[in-house]
C-alpha cells in the first residue's frame, strides 16, 4: 500500500492490485472508503443513492 495519489495522504492510500494485498483486505478497504464518503453526503443524496 502506498500514500493516496492525488488524495490527502493522511487518510487515503493507493493499493496496487498485483496480488500482494489479499482480496479480502482490498474489499474491506473499499467498503471503508465508501462508508466514509457516504456518511458525509446529505440525507437527500443518500436517499437518492438508495432509490428512496
PDB file of N, CA and C in Angstrom:
ATOM      1  N   UNK A   1       0.843  -1.165   0.000  1.00  0.00           N
ATOM      2  CA  UNK A   1       0.000   0.000   0.000  1.00  0.00           C
ATOM      3  C   UNK A   1       0.891   1.231   0.000  1.00  0.00           C
ATOM      4  N   UNK A   2       0.432   2.238  -0.702  1.00  0.00           N
ATOM      5  CA  UNK A   2       1.179   3.479  -0.866  1.00  0.00           C
ATOM      6  C   UNK A   2       0.313   4.660  -0.451  1.00  0.00           C
ATOM      7  N   UNK A   3       0.923   5.823  -0.203  1.00  0.00           N
ATOM      8  CA  UNK A   3       0.100   7.005   0.053  1.00  0.00           C
ATOM      9  C   UNK A   3      -0.837   7.248  -1.131  1.00  0.00           C
ATOM     10  N   UNK A   4      -2.007   7.787  -0.857  1.00  0.00           N
ATOM     11  CA  UNK A   4      -3.001   8.013  -1.908  1.00  0.00           C
ATOM     12  C   UNK A   4      -2.525   9.030  -2.931  1.00  0.00           C
ATOM     13  N   UNK A   5      -2.518   8.648  -4.169  1.00  0.00           N
ATOM     14  CA  UNK A   5      -2.111   9.514  -5.260  1.00  0.00           C
ATOM     15  C   UNK A   5      -3.217  10.535  -5.500  1.00  0.00           C
ATOM     16  N   UNK A   6      -2.896  11.805  -5.523  1.00  0.00           N
ATOM     17  CA  UNK A   6      -3.848  12.907  -5.706  1.00  0.00           C
ATOM     18  C   UNK A   6      -4.844  13.021  -4.562  1.00  0.00           C
ATOM     19  N   UNK A   7      -4.600  12.414  -3.437  1.00  0.00           N
ATOM     20  CA  UNK A   7      -5.528  12.467  -2.318  1.00  0.00           C
ATOM     21  C   UNK A   7      -4.797  12.951  -1.068  1.00  0.00           C
ATOM     22  N   UNK A   8      -5.549  13.177  -0.006  1.00  0.00           N
ATOM     23  CA  UNK A   8      -4.985  13.509   1.283  1.00  0.00           C
ATOM     24  C   UNK A   8      -4.239  12.270   1.773  1.00  0.00           C
ATOM     25  N   UNK A   9      -2.951  12.344   1.797  1.00  0.00           N
ATOM     26  CA  UNK A   9      -2.136  11.162   2.108  1.00  0.00           C
ATOM     27  C   UNK A   9      -2.216  10.735   3.564  1.00  0.00           C
ATOM     28  N   UNK A  10      -2.858  11.548   4.398  1.00  0.00           N
ATOM     29  CA  UNK A  10      -3.050  11.161   5.788  1.00  0.00           C
ATOM     30  C   UNK A  10      -4.199  10.164   5.921  1.00  0.00           C
ATOM     31  N   UNK A  11      -5.195  10.278   5.051  1.00  0.00           N
ATOM     32  CA  UNK A  11      -6.406   9.471   5.193  1.00  0.00           C
ATOM     33  C   UNK A  11      -6.621   8.451   4.083  1.00  0.00           C
ATOM     34  N   UNK A  12      -5.940   8.581   2.967  1.00  0.00           N
ATOM     35  CA  UNK A  12      -6.198   7.716   1.820  1.00  0.00           C
ATOM     36  C   UNK A  12      -4.917   7.015   1.379  1.00  0.00           C
ATOM     37  N   UNK A  13      -5.085   5.849   0.809  1.00  0.00           N
ATOM     38  CA  UNK A  13      -3.952   5.068   0.311  1.00  0.00           C
ATOM     39  C   UNK A  13      -4.232   4.614  -1.115  1.00  0.00           C
ATOM     40  N   UNK A  14      -3.215   4.194  -1.787  1.00  0.00           N
ATOM     41  CA  UNK A  14      -3.335   3.541  -3.090  1.00  0.00           C
ATOM     42  C   UNK A  14      -2.943   2.081  -2.899  1.00  0.00           C
ATOM     43  N   UNK A  15      -3.613   1.194  -3.595  1.00  0.00           N
ATOM     44  CA  UNK A  15      -3.309  -0.235  -3.495  1.00  0.00           C
ATOM     45  C   UNK A  15      -3.072  -0.759  -4.897  1.00  0.00           C
ATOM     46  N   UNK A  16      -1.925  -1.347  -5.116  1.00  0.00           N
ATOM     47  CA  UNK A  16      -1.656  -1.999  -6.404  1.00  0.00           C
ATOM     48  C   UNK A  16      -2.333  -3.355  -6.384  1.00  0.00           C
ATOM     49  N   UNK A  17      -3.097  -3.623  -7.415  1.00  0.00           N
ATOM     50  CA  UNK A  17      -3.828  -4.884  -7.484  1.00  0.00           C
ATOM     51  C   UNK A  17      -2.976  -5.940  -8.185  1.00  0.00           C
ATOM     52  N   UNK A  18      -1.820  -6.209  -7.592  1.00  0.00           N
ATOM     53  CA  UNK A  18      -0.888  -7.179  -8.165  1.00  0.00           C
ATOM     54  C   UNK A  18      -0.861  -8.483  -7.373  1.00  0.00           C
ATOM     55  N   UNK A  19      -1.786  -8.605  -6.424  1.00  0.00           N
ATOM     56  CA  UNK A  19      -1.865  -9.821  -5.628  1.00  0.00           C
ATOM     57  C   UNK A  19      -1.126  -9.747  -4.302  1.00  0.00           C
ATOM     58  N   UNK A  20      -0.387  -8.663  -4.072  1.00  0.00           N
ATOM     59  CA  UNK A  20       0.367  -8.534  -2.820  1.00  0.00           C
ATOM     60  C   UNK A  20      -0.554  -8.303  -1.622  1.00  0.00           C
ATOM     61  N   UNK A  21      -1.698  -7.660  -1.862  1.00  0.00           N
ATOM     62  CA  UNK A  21      -2.671  -7.417  -0.802  1.00  0.00           C
ATOM     63  C   UNK A  21      -3.819  -8.403  -1.007  1.00  0.00           C
ATOM     64  N   UNK A  22      -4.174  -9.173   0.011  1.00  0.00           N
ATOM     65  CA  UNK A  22      -5.252 -10.158  -0.136  1.00  0.00           C
ATOM     66  C   UNK A  22      -6.573  -9.499  -0.572  1.00  0.00           C
ATOM     67  N   UNK A  23      -7.336 -10.210  -1.375  1.00  0.00           N
ATOM     68  CA  UNK A  23      -8.590  -9.682  -1.902  1.00  0.00           C
ATOM     69  C   UNK A  23      -9.531  -9.241  -0.778  1.00  0.00           C
ATOM     70  N   UNK A  24      -9.571  -9.988   0.316  1.00  0.00           N
ATOM     71  CA  UNK A  24     -10.450  -9.635   1.428  1.00  0.00           C
ATOM     72  C   UNK A  24     -10.089  -8.260   1.996  1.00  0.00           C
ATOM     73  N   UNK A  25      -8.796  -7.956   2.046  1.00  0.00           N
ATOM     74  CA  UNK A  25      -8.343  -6.659   2.545  1.00  0.00           C
ATOM     75  C   UNK A  25      -8.717  -5.545   1.575  1.00  0.00           C
ATOM     76  N   UNK A  26      -8.595  -5.810   0.284  1.00  0.00           N
ATOM     77  CA  UNK A  26      -8.975  -4.824  -0.729  1.00  0.00           C
ATOM     78  C   UNK A  26     -10.466  -4.507  -0.602  1.00  0.00           C
ATOM     79  N   UNK A  27     -11.290  -5.522  -0.449  1.00  0.00           N
ATOM     80  CA  UNK A  27     -12.736  -5.325  -0.294  1.00  0.00           C
ATOM     81  C   UNK A  27     -13.021  -4.533   0.974  1.00  0.00           C
ATOM     82  N   UNK A  28     -12.349  -4.870   2.063  1.00  0.00           N
ATOM     83  CA  UNK A  28     -12.552  -4.153   3.326  1.00  0.00           C
ATOM     84  C   UNK A  28     -12.169  -2.684   3.182  1.00  0.00           C
ATOM     85  N   UNK A  29     -11.057  -2.412   2.527  1.00  0.00           N
ATOM     86  CA  UNK A  29     -10.621  -1.039   2.323  1.00  0.00           C
ATOM     87  C   UNK A  29     -11.611  -0.259   1.463  1.00  0.00           C
ATOM     88  N   UNK A  30     -12.129  -0.887   0.422  1.00  0.00           N
ATOM     89  CA  UNK A  30     -13.116  -0.228  -0.448  1.00  0.00           C
ATOM     90  C   UNK A  30     -14.392   0.090   0.313  1.00  0.00           C
ATOM     91  N   UNK A  31     -14.874  -0.856   1.086  1.00  0.00           N
ATOM     92  CA  UNK A  31     -16.096  -0.632   1.863  1.00  0.00           C
ATOM     93  C   UNK A  31     -15.888   0.476   2.889  1.00  0.00           C
ATOM     94  N   UNK A  32     -14.732   0.504   3.506  1.00  0.00           N
ATOM     95  CA  UNK A  32     -14.430   1.528   4.497  1.00  0.00           C
ATOM     96  C   UNK A  32     -14.399   2.908   3.850  1.00  0.00           C
ATOM     97  N   UNK A  33     -13.761   3.029   2.707  1.00  0.00           N
ATOM     98  CA  UNK A  33     -13.700   4.304   1.993  1.00  0.00           C
ATOM     99  C   UNK A  33     -15.075   4.762   1.550  1.00  0.00           C
ATOM    100  N   UNK A  34     -15.879   3.833   1.046  1.00  0.00           N
ATOM    101  CA  UNK A  34     -17.239   4.158   0.613  1.00  0.00           C
ATOM    102  C   UNK A  34     -18.050   4.674   1.794  1.00  0.00           C
ATOM    103  N   UNK A  35     -17.936   4.014   2.926  1.00  0.00           N
ATOM    104  CA  UNK A  35     -18.698   4.410   4.117  1.00  0.00           C
ATOM    105  C   UNK A  35     -18.294   5.812   4.585  1.00  0.00           C
ATOM    106  N   UNK A  36     -17.007   6.129   4.520  1.00  0.00           N
ATOM    107  CA  UNK A  36     -16.548   7.464   4.910  1.00  0.00           C
ATOM    108  C   UNK A  36     -17.160   8.547   4.033  1.00  0.00           C
ATOM    109  N   UNK A  37     -17.169   8.313   2.738  1.00  0.00           N
ATOM    110  CA  UNK A  37     -17.715   9.291   1.796  1.00  0.00           C
ATOM    111  C   UNK A  37     -19.230   9.369   1.925  1.00  0.00           C
ATOM    112  N   UNK A  38     -19.895   8.227   1.992  1.00  0.00           N
ATOM    113  CA  UNK A  38     -21.357   8.175   2.068  1.00  0.00           C
ATOM    114  C   UNK A  38     -21.854   8.932   3.299  1.00  0.00           C
ATOM    115  N   UNK A  39     -21.163   8.799   4.422  1.00  0.00           N
ATOM    116  CA  UNK A  39     -21.582   9.451   5.663  1.00  0.00           C
ATOM    117  C   UNK A  39     -21.539  10.973   5.552  1.00  0.00           C
ATOM    118  N   UNK A  40     -20.737  11.503   4.654  1.00  0.00           N
ATOM    119  CA  UNK A  40     -20.622  12.949   4.502  1.00  0.00           C
ATOM    120  C   UNK A  40     -21.620  13.525   3.510  1.00  0.00           C
ATOM    121  N   UNK A  41     -22.346  12.659   2.805  1.00  0.00           N
ATOM    122  CA  UNK A  41     -23.362  13.134   1.873  1.00  0.00           C
ATOM    123  C   UNK A  41     -24.576  13.642   2.627  1.00  0.00           C
ATOM    124  N   UNK A  42     -25.341  14.501   1.965  1.00  0.00           N
ATOM    125  CA  UNK A  42     -26.584  14.959   2.577  1.00  0.00           C
ATOM    126  C   UNK A  42     -27.563  13.787   2.650  1.00  0.00           C
ATOM    127  N   UNK A  43     -28.529  13.903   3.549  1.00  0.00           N
ATOM    128  CA  UNK A  43     -29.550  12.848   3.673  1.00  0.00           C
ATOM    129  C   UNK A  43     -30.294  12.684   2.356  1.00  0.00           C
ATOM    130  N   UNK A  44     -30.548  13.785   1.662  1.00  0.00           N
ATOM    131  CA  UNK A  44     -31.235  13.725   0.367  1.00  0.00           C
ATOM    132  C   UNK A  44     -30.424  12.899  -0.630  1.00  0.00           C
ATOM    133  N   UNK A  45     -29.130  13.161  -0.678  1.00  0.00           N
ATOM    134  CA  UNK A  45     -28.267  12.429  -1.615  1.00  0.00           C
ATOM    135  C   UNK A  45     -28.200  10.951  -1.241  1.00  0.00           C
ATOM    136  N   UNK A  46     -28.127  10.648   0.055  1.00  0.00           N
ATOM    137  CA  UNK A  46     -28.101   9.257   0.493  1.00  0.00           C
ATOM    138  C   UNK A  46     -29.384   8.533   0.060  1.00  0.00           C
ATOM    139  N   UNK A  47     -30.528   9.201   0.184  1.00  0.00           N
ATOM    140  CA  UNK A  47     -31.801   8.605  -0.223  1.00  0.00           C
ATOM    141  C   UNK A  47     -31.825   8.364  -1.725  1.00  0.00           C
ATOM    142  N   UNK A  48     -31.275   9.299  -2.503  1.00  0.00           N
ATOM    143  CA  UNK A  48     -31.221   9.144  -3.956  1.00  0.00           C
ATOM    144  C   UNK A  48     -30.394   7.916  -4.338  1.00  0.00           C
ATOM    145  N   UNK A  49     -29.312   7.702  -3.646  1.00  0.00           N
ATOM    146  CA  UNK A  49     -28.449   6.561  -3.935  1.00  0.00           C
ATOM    147  C   UNK A  49     -29.192   5.256  -3.664  1.00  0.00           C
ATOM    148  N   UNK A  50     -29.983   5.233  -2.575  1.00  0.00           N
ATOM    149  CA  UNK A  50     -30.741   4.027  -2.223  1.00  0.00           C
ATOM    150  C   UNK A  50     -32.052   3.916  -2.996  1.00  0.00           C
ATOM    151  N   UNK A  51     -32.349   4.938  -3.824  1.00  0.00           N
ATOM    152  CA  UNK A  51     -33.550   4.875  -4.645  1.00  0.00           C
ATOM    153  C   UNK A  51     -34.840   5.107  -3.848  1.00  0.00           C
ATOM    154  N   UNK A  52     -34.751   5.836  -2.791  1.00  0.00           N
ATOM    155  CA  UNK A  52     -35.928   6.110  -1.963  1.00  0.00           C
ATOM    156  C   UNK A  52     -36.620   7.368  -2.419  1.00  0.00           C
TER     157      UNK A  52
END
